[in-house]
PDB file of N, CA and C in Angstrom:
ATOM      1  N   MET A   1       0.827  -1.183   0.000  1.00  0.00           N
ATOM      2  CA  MET A   1       0.000   0.000   0.000  1.00  0.00           C
ATOM      3  C   MET A   1       0.870   1.246   0.000  1.00  0.00           C
ATOM      4  N   ASN A   2       1.020   1.892   1.126  1.00  0.00           N
ATOM      5  CA  ASN A   2       1.766   3.144   1.161  1.00  0.00           C
ATOM      6  C   ASN A   2       3.270   2.936   1.150  1.00  0.00           C
ATOM      7  N   SER A   3       3.731   1.903   1.809  1.00  0.00           N
ATOM      8  CA  SER A   3       5.160   1.596   1.811  1.00  0.00           C
ATOM      9  C   SER A   3       5.328   0.077   1.832  1.00  0.00           C
ATOM     10  N   PRO A   4       5.309  -0.540   0.673  1.00  0.00           N
ATOM     11  CA  PRO A   4       5.388  -1.993   0.611  1.00  0.00           C
ATOM     12  C   PRO A   4       6.696  -2.509   1.217  1.00  0.00           C
ATOM     13  N   ALA A   5       6.584  -3.585   1.955  1.00  0.00           N
ATOM     14  CA  ALA A   5       7.750  -4.200   2.593  1.00  0.00           C
ATOM     15  C   ALA A   5       7.472  -5.684   2.771  1.00  0.00           C
ATOM     16  N   GLY A   6       8.482  -6.442   3.090  1.00  0.00           N
ATOM     17  CA  GLY A   6       8.302  -7.853   3.398  1.00  0.00           C
ATOM     18  C   GLY A   6       8.427  -8.778   2.214  1.00  0.00           C
ATOM     19  N   PHE A   7       9.000  -8.320   1.122  1.00  0.00           N
ATOM     20  CA  PHE A   7       9.216  -9.180  -0.043  1.00  0.00           C
ATOM     21  C   PHE A   7      10.349  -8.597  -0.872  1.00  0.00           C
ATOM     22  N   LYS A   8      10.849  -9.413  -1.775  1.00  0.00           N
ATOM     23  CA  LYS A   8      11.888  -8.972  -2.704  1.00  0.00           C
ATOM     24  C   LYS A   8      11.424  -9.272  -4.114  1.00  0.00           C
ATOM     25  N   MET A   9      11.756  -8.386  -5.034  1.00  0.00           N
ATOM     26  CA  MET A   9      11.458  -8.601  -6.437  1.00  0.00           C
ATOM     27  C   MET A   9      12.693  -9.198  -7.101  1.00  0.00           C
ATOM     28  N   VAL A  10      12.548 -10.404  -7.635  1.00  0.00           N
ATOM     29  CA  VAL A  10      13.641 -11.078  -8.313  1.00  0.00           C
ATOM     30  C   VAL A  10      13.172 -11.398  -9.728  1.00  0.00           C
ATOM     31  N   ASP A  11      13.797 -10.785 -10.711  1.00  0.00           N
ATOM     32  CA  ASP A  11      13.442 -10.980 -12.119  1.00  0.00           C
ATOM     33  C   ASP A  11      11.967 -10.709 -12.384  1.00  0.00           C
ATOM     34  N   GLY A  12      11.422  -9.690 -11.760  1.00  0.00           N
ATOM     35  CA  GLY A  12      10.042  -9.309 -11.974  1.00  0.00           C
ATOM     36  C   GLY A  12       9.023 -10.157 -11.234  1.00  0.00           C
ATOM     37  N   LYS A  13       9.480 -11.063 -10.383  1.00  0.00           N
ATOM     38  CA  LYS A  13       8.568 -11.904  -9.611  1.00  0.00           C
ATOM     39  C   LYS A  13       8.825 -11.696  -8.124  1.00  0.00           C
ATOM     40  N   ILE A  14       7.769 -11.877  -7.348  1.00  0.00           N
ATOM     41  CA  ILE A  14       7.881 -11.704  -5.902  1.00  0.00           C
ATOM     42  C   ILE A  14       8.520 -12.944  -5.293  1.00  0.00           C
ATOM     43  N   ALA A  15       9.537 -12.721  -4.454  1.00  0.00           N
ATOM     44  CA  ALA A  15      10.233 -13.830  -3.795  1.00  0.00           C
ATOM     45  C   ALA A  15      10.565 -13.425  -2.362  1.00  0.00           C
ATOM     46  N   ASP A  16      10.905 -14.399  -1.569  1.00  0.00           N
ATOM     47  CA  ASP A  16      11.326 -14.182  -0.179  1.00  0.00           C
ATOM     48  C   ASP A  16      10.288 -13.352   0.585  1.00  0.00           C
ATOM     49  N   ILE A  17       9.080 -13.901   0.704  1.00  0.00           N
ATOM     50  CA  ILE A  17       7.967 -13.197   1.341  1.00  0.00           C
ATOM     51  C   ILE A  17       8.051 -13.352   2.856  1.00  0.00           C
ATOM     52  N   ASP A  18       7.947 -12.227   3.563  1.00  0.00           N
ATOM     53  CA  ASP A  18       7.933 -12.203   5.019  1.00  0.00           C
ATOM     54  C   ASP A  18       6.645 -11.503   5.471  1.00  0.00           C
ATOM     55  N   PRO A  19       5.598 -12.276   5.859  1.00  0.00           N
ATOM     56  CA  PRO A  19       4.314 -11.646   6.214  1.00  0.00           C
ATOM     57  C   PRO A  19       4.394 -10.687   7.403  1.00  0.00           C
ATOM     58  N   ILE A  20       5.240 -11.000   8.375  1.00  0.00           N
ATOM     59  CA  ILE A  20       5.361 -10.127   9.553  1.00  0.00           C
ATOM     60  C   ILE A  20       5.956  -8.776   9.146  1.00  0.00           C
ATOM     61  N   ALA A  21       6.958  -8.788   8.313  1.00  0.00           N
ATOM     62  CA  ALA A  21       7.548  -7.529   7.844  1.00  0.00           C
ATOM     63  C   ALA A  21       6.559  -6.756   6.974  1.00  0.00           C
ATOM     64  N   ALA A  22       5.703  -7.468   6.248  1.00  0.00           N
ATOM     65  CA  ALA A  22       4.692  -6.794   5.432  1.00  0.00           C
ATOM     66  C   ALA A  22       3.649  -6.121   6.319  1.00  0.00           C
ATOM     67  N   MET A  23       3.268  -6.770   7.415  1.00  0.00           N
ATOM     68  CA  MET A  23       2.272  -6.184   8.305  1.00  0.00           C
ATOM     69  C   MET A  23       2.842  -5.063   9.165  1.00  0.00           C
ATOM     70  N   LEU A  24       4.118  -5.118   9.462  1.00  0.00           N
ATOM     71  CA  LEU A  24       4.757  -4.111  10.318  1.00  0.00           C
ATOM     72  C   LEU A  24       5.660  -3.188   9.508  1.00  0.00           C
ATOM     73  N   ASN A  25       5.157  -2.747   8.367  1.00  0.00           N
ATOM     74  CA  ASN A  25       5.939  -1.832   7.544  1.00  0.00           C
ATOM     75  C   ASN A  25       5.940  -0.440   8.176  1.00  0.00           C
ATOM     76  N   PRO A  26       6.700   0.493   7.645  1.00  0.00           N
ATOM     77  CA  PRO A  26       6.784   1.820   8.262  1.00  0.00           C
ATOM     78  C   PRO A  26       5.451   2.574   8.349  1.00  0.00           C
ATOM     79  N   ALA A  27       4.485   2.256   7.498  1.00  0.00           N
ATOM     80  CA  ALA A  27       3.205   2.961   7.525  1.00  0.00           C
ATOM     81  C   ALA A  27       2.148   2.243   8.357  1.00  0.00           C
ATOM     82  N   SER A  28       2.491   1.146   8.997  1.00  0.00           N
ATOM     83  CA  SER A  28       1.466   0.349   9.677  1.00  0.00           C
ATOM     84  C   SER A  28       0.849   1.080  10.875  1.00  0.00           C
ATOM     85  N   PHE A  29       1.628   1.829  11.635  1.00  0.00           N
ATOM     86  CA  PHE A  29       1.067   2.535  12.789  1.00  0.00           C
ATOM     87  C   PHE A  29       0.024   3.554  12.343  1.00  0.00           C
ATOM     88  N   HIS A  30       0.351   4.312  11.324  1.00  0.00           N
ATOM     89  CA  HIS A  30      -0.581   5.299  10.787  1.00  0.00           C
ATOM     90  C   HIS A  30      -1.854   4.627  10.295  1.00  0.00           C
ATOM     91  N   GLU A  31      -1.737   3.516   9.591  1.00  0.00           N
ATOM     92  CA  GLU A  31      -2.912   2.814   9.060  1.00  0.00           C
ATOM     93  C   GLU A  31      -3.765   2.231  10.182  1.00  0.00           C
ATOM     94  N   VAL A  32      -3.138   1.682  11.202  1.00  0.00           N
ATOM     95  CA  VAL A  32      -3.889   1.089  12.318  1.00  0.00           C
ATOM     96  C   VAL A  32      -4.668   2.164  13.074  1.00  0.00           C
ATOM     97  N   VAL A  33      -4.039   3.293  13.335  1.00  0.00           N
ATOM     98  CA  VAL A  33      -4.724   4.386  14.031  1.00  0.00           C
ATOM     99  C   VAL A  33      -5.904   4.879  13.202  1.00  0.00           C
ATOM    100  N   HIS A  34      -5.683   5.084  11.915  1.00  0.00           N
ATOM    101  CA  HIS A  34      -6.736   5.597  11.046  1.00  0.00           C
ATOM    102  C   HIS A  34      -7.912   4.614  10.964  1.00  0.00           C
ATOM    103  N   MET A  35      -7.644   3.341  10.809  1.00  0.00           N
ATOM    104  CA  MET A  35      -8.723   2.364  10.660  1.00  0.00           C
ATOM    105  C   MET A  35      -9.439   2.096  11.986  1.00  0.00           C
ATOM    106  N   THR A  36      -8.747   2.209  13.102  1.00  0.00           N
ATOM    107  CA  THR A  36      -9.411   2.061  14.400  1.00  0.00           C
ATOM    108  C   THR A  36     -10.398   3.199  14.623  1.00  0.00           C
ATOM    109  N   LEU A  37      -9.979   4.413  14.321  1.00  0.00           N
ATOM    110  CA  LEU A  37     -10.892   5.552  14.451  1.00  0.00           C
ATOM    111  C   LEU A  37     -12.049   5.449  13.463  1.00  0.00           C
ATOM    112  N   ALA A  38     -11.778   4.980  12.261  1.00  0.00           N
ATOM    113  CA  ALA A  38     -12.855   4.814  11.280  1.00  0.00           C
ATOM    114  C   ALA A  38     -13.843   3.750  11.733  1.00  0.00           C
ATOM    115  N   ALA A  39     -13.374   2.718  12.411  1.00  0.00           N
ATOM    116  CA  ALA A  39     -14.282   1.692  12.934  1.00  0.00           C
ATOM    117  C   ALA A  39     -15.174   2.269  14.027  1.00  0.00           C
ATOM    118  N   PHE A  40     -14.624   3.126  14.876  1.00  0.00           N
ATOM    119  CA  PHE A  40     -15.444   3.797  15.892  1.00  0.00           C
ATOM    120  C   PHE A  40     -16.528   4.638  15.234  1.00  0.00           C
ATOM    121  N   VAL A  41     -16.166   5.362  14.185  1.00  0.00           N
ATOM    122  CA  VAL A  41     -17.132   6.217  13.505  1.00  0.00           C
ATOM    123  C   VAL A  41     -18.221   5.374  12.854  1.00  0.00           C
ATOM    124  N   ALA A  42     -17.843   4.303  12.171  1.00  0.00           N
ATOM    125  CA  ALA A  42     -18.833   3.454  11.491  1.00  0.00           C
ATOM    126  C   ALA A  42     -19.780   2.799  12.494  1.00  0.00           C
ATOM    127  N   ARG A  43     -19.223   2.284  13.571  1.00  0.00           N
ATOM    128  CA  ARG A  43     -20.063   1.638  14.594  1.00  0.00           C
ATOM    129  C   ARG A  43     -20.991   2.653  15.244  1.00  0.00           C
ATOM    130  N   SER A  44     -20.502   3.834  15.467  1.00  0.00           N
ATOM    131  CA  SER A  44     -21.320   4.859  16.095  1.00  0.00           C
ATOM    132  C   SER A  44     -22.407   5.373  15.167  1.00  0.00           C
ATOM    133  N   MET A  45     -22.147   5.396  13.874  1.00  0.00           N
ATOM    134  CA  MET A  45     -23.178   5.815  12.930  1.00  0.00           C
ATOM    135  C   MET A  45     -24.321   4.805  12.891  1.00  0.00           C
ATOM    136  N   VAL A  46     -24.007   3.531  13.005  1.00  0.00           N
ATOM    137  CA  VAL A  46     -25.060   2.516  13.090  1.00  0.00           C
ATOM    138  C   VAL A  46     -25.885   2.740  14.352  1.00  0.00           C
ATOM    139  N   ALA A  47     -25.239   3.072  15.440  1.00  0.00           N
ATOM    140  CA  ALA A  47     -25.966   3.361  16.682  1.00  0.00           C
ATOM    141  C   ALA A  47     -26.808   4.626  16.536  1.00  0.00           C
ATOM    142  N   ALA A  48     -26.339   5.584  15.767  1.00  0.00           N
ATOM    143  CA  ALA A  48     -27.125   6.794  15.542  1.00  0.00           C
ATOM    144  C   ALA A  48     -28.392   6.480  14.750  1.00  0.00           C
ATOM    145  N   ILE A  49     -28.314   5.545  13.832  1.00  0.00           N
ATOM    146  CA  ILE A  49     -29.506   5.117  13.104  1.00  0.00           C
ATOM    147  C   ILE A  49     -30.496   4.474  14.066  1.00  0.00           C
ATOM    148  N   HIS A  50     -29.999   3.655  14.982  1.00  0.00           N
ATOM    149  CA  HIS A  50     -30.869   3.072  16.002  1.00  0.00           C
ATOM    150  C   HIS A  50     -31.498   4.158  16.863  1.00  0.00           C
ATOM    151  N   ALA A  51     -30.730   5.182  17.198  1.00  0.00           N
ATOM    152  CA  ALA A  51     -31.278   6.268  18.005  1.00  0.00           C
ATOM    153  C   ALA A  51     -32.371   7.018  17.244  1.00  0.00           C
ATOM    154  N   PHE A  52     -32.196   7.182  15.942  1.00  0.00           N
ATOM    155  CA  PHE A  52     -33.226   7.828  15.133  1.00  0.00           C
ATOM    156  C   PHE A  52     -34.522   7.021  15.167  1.00  0.00           C
ATOM    157  N   PHE A  53     -34.414   5.703  14.989  1.00  0.00           N
ATOM    158  CA  PHE A  53     -35.620   4.878  15.035  1.00  0.00           C
ATOM    159  C   PHE A  53     -36.210   4.820  16.442  1.00  0.00           C
ATOM    160  N   LEU A  54     -35.371   4.946  17.442  1.00  0.00           N
ATOM    161  CA  LEU A  54     -35.869   4.988  18.818  1.00  0.00           C
ATOM    162  C   LEU A  54     -36.682   6.260  19.062  1.00  0.00           C
ATOM    163  N   LEU A  55     -36.255   7.369  18.481  1.00  0.00           N
ATOM    164  CA  LEU A  55     -37.019   8.609  18.624  1.00  0.00           C
ATOM    165  C   LEU A  55     -38.377   8.515  17.930  1.00  0.00           C
ATOM    166  N   ARG A  56     -38.435   7.756  16.865  1.00  0.00           N
ATOM    167  CA  ARG A  56     -39.707   7.589  16.157  1.00  0.00           C
ATOM    168  C   ARG A  56     -40.662   6.667  16.906  1.00  0.00           C
ATOM    169  N   ASN A  57     -40.124   5.628  17.554  1.00  0.00           N
ATOM    170  CA  ASN A  57     -40.956   4.655  18.264  1.00  0.00           C
ATOM    171  C   ASN A  57     -40.218   4.244  19.532  1.00  0.00           C
ATOM    172  N   ARG A  58     -40.564   4.833  20.653  1.00  0.00           N
ATOM    173  CA  ARG A  58     -39.840   4.612  21.905  1.00  0.00           C
ATOM    174  C   ARG A  58     -40.079   3.241  22.509  1.00  0.00           C
ATOM    175  N   LYS A  59     -41.051   2.494  22.031  1.00  0.00           N
ATOM    176  CA  LYS A  59     -41.336   1.173  22.596  1.00  0.00           C
ATOM    177  C   LYS A  59     -40.595   0.060  21.870  1.00  0.00           C
ATOM    178  N   GLN A  60     -39.638   0.409  21.082  1.00  0.00           N
ATOM    179  CA  GLN A  60     -38.878  -0.558  20.306  1.00  0.00           C
ATOM    180  C   GLN A  60     -37.670  -1.015  21.129  1.00  0.00           C
ATOM    181  N   PRO A  61     -37.670  -2.251  21.654  1.00  0.00           N
ATOM    182  CA  PRO A  61     -36.580  -2.672  22.548  1.00  0.00           C
ATOM    183  C   PRO A  61     -35.240  -2.834  21.830  1.00  0.00           C
ATOM    184  N   PHE A  62     -35.259  -3.202  20.559  1.00  0.00           N
ATOM    185  CA  PHE A  62     -34.003  -3.417  19.841  1.00  0.00           C
ATOM    186  C   PHE A  62     -33.218  -2.119  19.696  1.00  0.00           C
ATOM    187  N   SER A  63     -33.881  -1.062  19.311  1.00  0.00           N
ATOM    188  CA  SER A  63     -33.193   0.226  19.127  1.00  0.00           C
ATOM    189  C   SER A  63     -32.808   0.858  20.446  1.00  0.00           C
ATOM    190  N   SER A  64     -33.611   0.646  21.480  1.00  0.00           N
ATOM    191  CA  SER A  64     -33.288   1.285  22.759  1.00  0.00           C
ATOM    192  C   SER A  64     -32.037   0.699  23.391  1.00  0.00           C
ATOM    193  N   SER A  65     -31.745  -0.562  23.098  1.00  0.00           N
ATOM    194  CA  SER A  65     -30.539  -1.159  23.670  1.00  0.00           C
ATOM    195  C   SER A  65     -29.280  -0.743  22.924  1.00  0.00           C
ATOM    196  N   ARG A  66     -29.417  -0.218  21.709  1.00  0.00           N
ATOM    197  CA  ARG A  66     -28.255   0.164  20.915  1.00  0.00           C
ATOM    198  C   ARG A  66     -27.992   1.658  20.898  1.00  0.00           C
ATOM    199  N   ALA A  67     -28.916   2.447  21.333  1.00  0.00           N
ATOM    200  CA  ALA A  67     -28.692   3.895  21.390  1.00  0.00           C
ATOM    201  C   ALA A  67     -27.901   4.214  22.650  1.00  0.00           C
ATOM    202  N   GLY A  68     -27.647   5.432  22.891  1.00  0.00           N
ATOM    203  CA  GLY A  68     -26.909   5.817  24.089  1.00  0.00           C
ATOM    204  C   GLY A  68     -25.807   6.782  23.746  1.00  0.00           C
ATOM    205  N   PRO A  69     -24.650   6.624  24.351  1.00  0.00           N
ATOM    206  CA  PRO A  69     -23.573   7.597  24.119  1.00  0.00           C
ATOM    207  C   PRO A  69     -22.806   7.361  22.824  1.00  0.00           C
ATOM    208  N   ARG A  70     -23.190   6.373  22.032  1.00  0.00           N
ATOM    209  CA  ARG A  70     -22.419   6.065  20.826  1.00  0.00           C
ATOM    210  C   ARG A  70     -22.397   7.184  19.793  1.00  0.00           C
ATOM    211  N   PRO A  71     -23.493   7.924  19.578  1.00  0.00           N
ATOM    212  CA  PRO A  71     -23.368   9.056  18.643  1.00  0.00           C
ATOM    213  C   PRO A  71     -22.330  10.077  19.102  1.00  0.00           C
ATOM    214  N   CYS A  72     -22.164  10.236  20.399  1.00  0.00           N
ATOM    215  CA  CYS A  72     -21.119  11.141  20.904  1.00  0.00           C
ATOM    216  C   CYS A  72     -19.727  10.603  20.579  1.00  0.00           C
ATOM    217  N   VAL A  73     -19.577   9.280  20.606  1.00  0.00           N
ATOM    218  CA  VAL A  73     -18.290   8.676  20.237  1.00  0.00           C
ATOM    219  C   VAL A  73     -17.996   8.977  18.778  1.00  0.00           C
ATOM    220  N   ALA A  74     -19.014   8.897  17.935  1.00  0.00           N
ATOM    221  CA  ALA A  74     -18.821   9.203  16.512  1.00  0.00           C
ATOM    222  C   ALA A  74     -18.400  10.648  16.320  1.00  0.00           C
ATOM    223  N   CYS A  75     -19.079  11.543  16.997  1.00  0.00           N
ATOM    224  CA  CYS A  75     -18.766  12.966  16.835  1.00  0.00           C
ATOM    225  C   CYS A  75     -17.377  13.320  17.370  1.00  0.00           C
ATOM    226  N   SER A  76     -16.952  12.625  18.405  1.00  0.00           N
ATOM    227  CA  SER A  76     -15.634  12.944  18.955  1.00  0.00           C
ATOM    228  C   SER A  76     -14.501  12.264  18.203  1.00  0.00           C
ATOM    229  N   SER A  77     -14.750  11.100  17.603  1.00  0.00           N
ATOM    230  CA  SER A  77     -13.659  10.408  16.909  1.00  0.00           C
ATOM    231  C   SER A  77     -13.565  10.772  15.437  1.00  0.00           C
ATOM    232  N   MET A  78     -14.605  11.363  14.870  1.00  0.00           N
ATOM    233  CA  MET A  78     -14.564  11.704  13.434  1.00  0.00           C
ATOM    234  C   MET A  78     -13.478  12.723  13.091  1.00  0.00           C
ATOM    235  N   PRO A  79     -13.287  13.806  13.851  1.00  0.00           N
ATOM    236  CA  PRO A  79     -12.191  14.714  13.490  1.00  0.00           C
ATOM    237  C   PRO A  79     -10.817  14.062  13.577  1.00  0.00           C
ATOM    238  N   PHE A  80     -10.633  13.171  14.548  1.00  0.00           N
ATOM    239  CA  PHE A  80      -9.349  12.487  14.654  1.00  0.00           C
ATOM    240  C   PHE A  80      -9.142  11.520  13.486  1.00  0.00           C
ATOM    241  N   ALA A  81     -10.207  10.875  13.022  1.00  0.00           N
ATOM    242  CA  ALA A  81     -10.099   9.979  11.868  1.00  0.00           C
ATOM    243  C   ALA A  81      -9.736  10.779  10.613  1.00  0.00           C
ATOM    244  N   ILE A  82     -10.323  11.951  10.476  1.00  0.00           N
ATOM    245  CA  ILE A  82      -9.997  12.790   9.315  1.00  0.00           C
ATOM    246  C   ILE A  82      -8.554  13.272   9.393  1.00  0.00           C
ATOM    247  N   LEU A  83      -8.126  13.699  10.568  1.00  0.00           N
ATOM    248  CA  LEU A  83      -6.746  14.176  10.716  1.00  0.00           C
ATOM    249  C   LEU A  83      -5.726  13.062  10.534  1.00  0.00           C
ATOM    250  N   SER A  84      -6.049  11.861  10.975  1.00  0.00           N
ATOM    251  CA  SER A  84      -5.083  10.772  10.836  1.00  0.00           C
ATOM    252  C   SER A  84      -5.027  10.245   9.413  1.00  0.00           C
ATOM    253  N   GLY A  85      -6.019  10.577   8.588  1.00  0.00           N
ATOM    254  CA  GLY A  85      -6.013  10.113   7.201  1.00  0.00           C
ATOM    255  C   GLY A  85      -5.266  11.033   6.271  1.00  0.00           C
ATOM    256  N   THR A  86      -4.888  12.205   6.743  1.00  0.00           N
ATOM    257  CA  THR A  86      -4.206  13.129   5.864  1.00  0.00           C
ATOM    258  C   THR A  86      -2.725  13.122   6.056  1.00  0.00           C
TER     259      THR A  86
END
């Protein structure tokens, strides 16, 4: 991806593959932070949809168990996800 590592190119073919070195390349920390924050945002957006349906029908037990502080998690982690992606 951003900084490929963990393999050697020999005569135009990939050889000597090291999966650990590929996963722990120089850009891996940046990618892990960005994707962790993006997962928080995605999960929180699903909870926000549940909160919307809960506002429409308060007797819905499925949505009431999934709403809560999760939309706040989305709002607080979204700027960090954007900053870590640039």
